[in-house]
Amino acid sequence: MHSLALVVFSALMFVMVLHCVVTAIWTWALRRQPPSLLTDQQCPKAAVVLCLRGKDPFLADCLRALLTQDYPCFDVRIVVDANDDRRLAVTNGE
C-alpha cells in the first residue's frame, strides 16, 4: 500500500512540476517585447465576410464598425441568405 501511495504521489509531483515549467515558459513568452507593428504597405489584404439572414438589430452598428476600422486594405463581402428577404433594409440605424 505504501509503494502505491509513493507512486501516485510521485506522479502528482511530476505533473505539478511540469505545470509550473509550462506556466513559467508561457509567462516568459507573454512578457517578451511585442513585435513591431507592420506598416500599412506590409499588411496583407483581408476580407470580411458578413452572412445575413433576416433582420438583425445590430447590423447598422456592425457595418459602421467595419467601415471605420483602422486596417489599411480590406474588402467587406455581404452574403444574404435570400434575395427576396425584405427585412434586410438598414436605414438610419434601423
Protein backbone atom coordinates (compact mmCIF):
# COMPACT_ATOMS: atom_id res chain seq x y z
CA MET A 1 0.00 0.00 0.00
CA HIS A 2 2.83 2.39 0.80
CA SER A 3 4.52 1.79 -2.53
CA LEU A 4 1.27 2.60 -4.42
CA ALA A 5 0.89 5.82 -2.44
CA LEU A 6 4.52 6.70 -3.23
CA VAL A 7 3.97 6.10 -6.97
CA VAL A 8 0.78 8.20 -7.00
CA PHE A 9 2.48 10.97 -5.01
CA SER A 10 5.48 10.94 -7.37
CA ALA A 11 3.23 11.12 -10.43
CA LEU A 12 1.29 14.04 -8.96
CA MET A 13 4.51 15.87 -8.10
CA PHE A 14 5.78 15.33 -11.65
CA VAL A 15 2.55 16.75 -13.11
CA MET A 16 2.75 19.74 -10.73
CA VAL A 17 6.36 20.49 -11.68
CA LEU A 18 5.51 20.09 -15.36
CA HIS A 19 2.65 22.59 -14.99
CA CYS A 20 4.96 25.03 -13.22
CA VAL A 21 7.53 24.77 -16.02
CA VAL A 22 4.89 25.27 -18.73
CA THR A 23 3.45 28.25 -16.82
CA ALA A 24 6.90 29.82 -16.45
CA ILE A 25 7.63 29.41 -20.17
CA TRP A 26 4.22 30.83 -21.10
CA THR A 27 4.72 33.82 -18.76
CA TRP A 28 8.15 34.48 -20.21
CA ALA A 29 6.76 34.35 -23.75
CA LEU A 30 3.99 36.82 -22.90
CA ARG A 31 6.36 39.25 -21.21
CA ARG A 32 8.76 39.46 -24.13
CA GLN A 33 8.80 42.69 -26.06
CA PRO A 34 5.92 42.65 -28.53
CA PRO A 35 6.90 42.57 -32.20
CA SER A 36 6.91 45.86 -34.03
CA LEU A 37 3.75 46.65 -35.95
CA LEU A 38 3.66 46.34 -39.70
CA THR A 39 3.46 49.41 -41.88
CA ASP A 40 0.32 49.90 -43.95
CA GLN A 41 2.14 48.70 -47.08
CA GLN A 42 3.27 45.48 -45.35
CA CYS A 43 -0.21 44.47 -44.12
CA PRO A 44 -1.80 41.71 -46.19
CA LYS A 45 -5.14 42.31 -47.83
CA ALA A 46 -8.02 40.97 -45.75
CA ALA A 47 -11.61 40.02 -46.46
CA VAL A 48 -14.54 40.24 -44.08
CA VAL A 49 -17.49 38.01 -44.94
CA LEU A 50 -20.74 39.07 -43.29
CA CYS A 51 -23.53 36.49 -43.58
CA LEU A 52 -27.05 37.84 -43.14
CA ARG A 53 -30.45 36.27 -42.64
CA GLY A 54 -33.48 38.29 -41.58
CA LYS A 55 -33.44 41.50 -39.58
CA ASP A 56 -30.53 41.96 -37.20
CA PRO A 57 -30.95 44.78 -34.65
CA PHE A 58 -27.16 45.28 -34.52
CA LEU A 59 -26.49 45.29 -38.26
CA ALA A 60 -26.09 49.07 -38.52
CA ASP A 61 -23.59 49.07 -35.64
CA CYS A 62 -21.70 46.17 -37.20
CA LEU A 63 -21.43 47.89 -40.60
CA ARG A 64 -20.41 51.18 -39.00
CA ALA A 65 -17.66 49.44 -37.02
CA LEU A 66 -16.44 47.55 -40.10
CA LEU A 67 -16.20 50.71 -42.18
CA THR A 68 -14.43 52.76 -39.50
CA GLN A 69 -11.72 50.26 -38.58
CA ASP A 70 -8.06 51.16 -38.92
CA TYR A 71 -6.92 48.27 -41.13
CA PRO A 72 -5.42 49.66 -44.37
CA CYS A 73 -6.63 47.24 -47.06
CA PHE A 74 -9.74 45.10 -46.70
CA ASP A 75 -12.89 44.12 -48.56
CA VAL A 76 -16.30 43.61 -47.00
CA ARG A 77 -18.43 40.92 -48.66
CA ILE A 78 -22.05 40.72 -47.59
CA VAL A 79 -23.78 37.42 -48.24
CA VAL A 80 -27.59 37.43 -48.00
CA ASP A 81 -29.47 34.18 -47.39
CA ALA A 82 -32.27 35.00 -49.85
CA ASN A 83 -32.65 37.73 -52.48
CA ASP A 84 -36.27 38.40 -51.51
CA ASP A 85 -35.54 38.95 -47.82
CA ARG A 86 -37.24 42.35 -47.37
CA ARG A 87 -36.29 42.64 -43.72
CA LEU A 88 -32.67 43.46 -44.53
CA ALA A 89 -33.18 47.18 -45.08
CA VAL A 90 -30.85 49.24 -42.92
CA THR A 91 -31.78 52.90 -42.83
CA ASN A 92 -30.75 55.48 -40.22
CA GLY A 93 -29.73 52.93 -37.63
CA GLU A 94 -32.88 50.83 -38.05
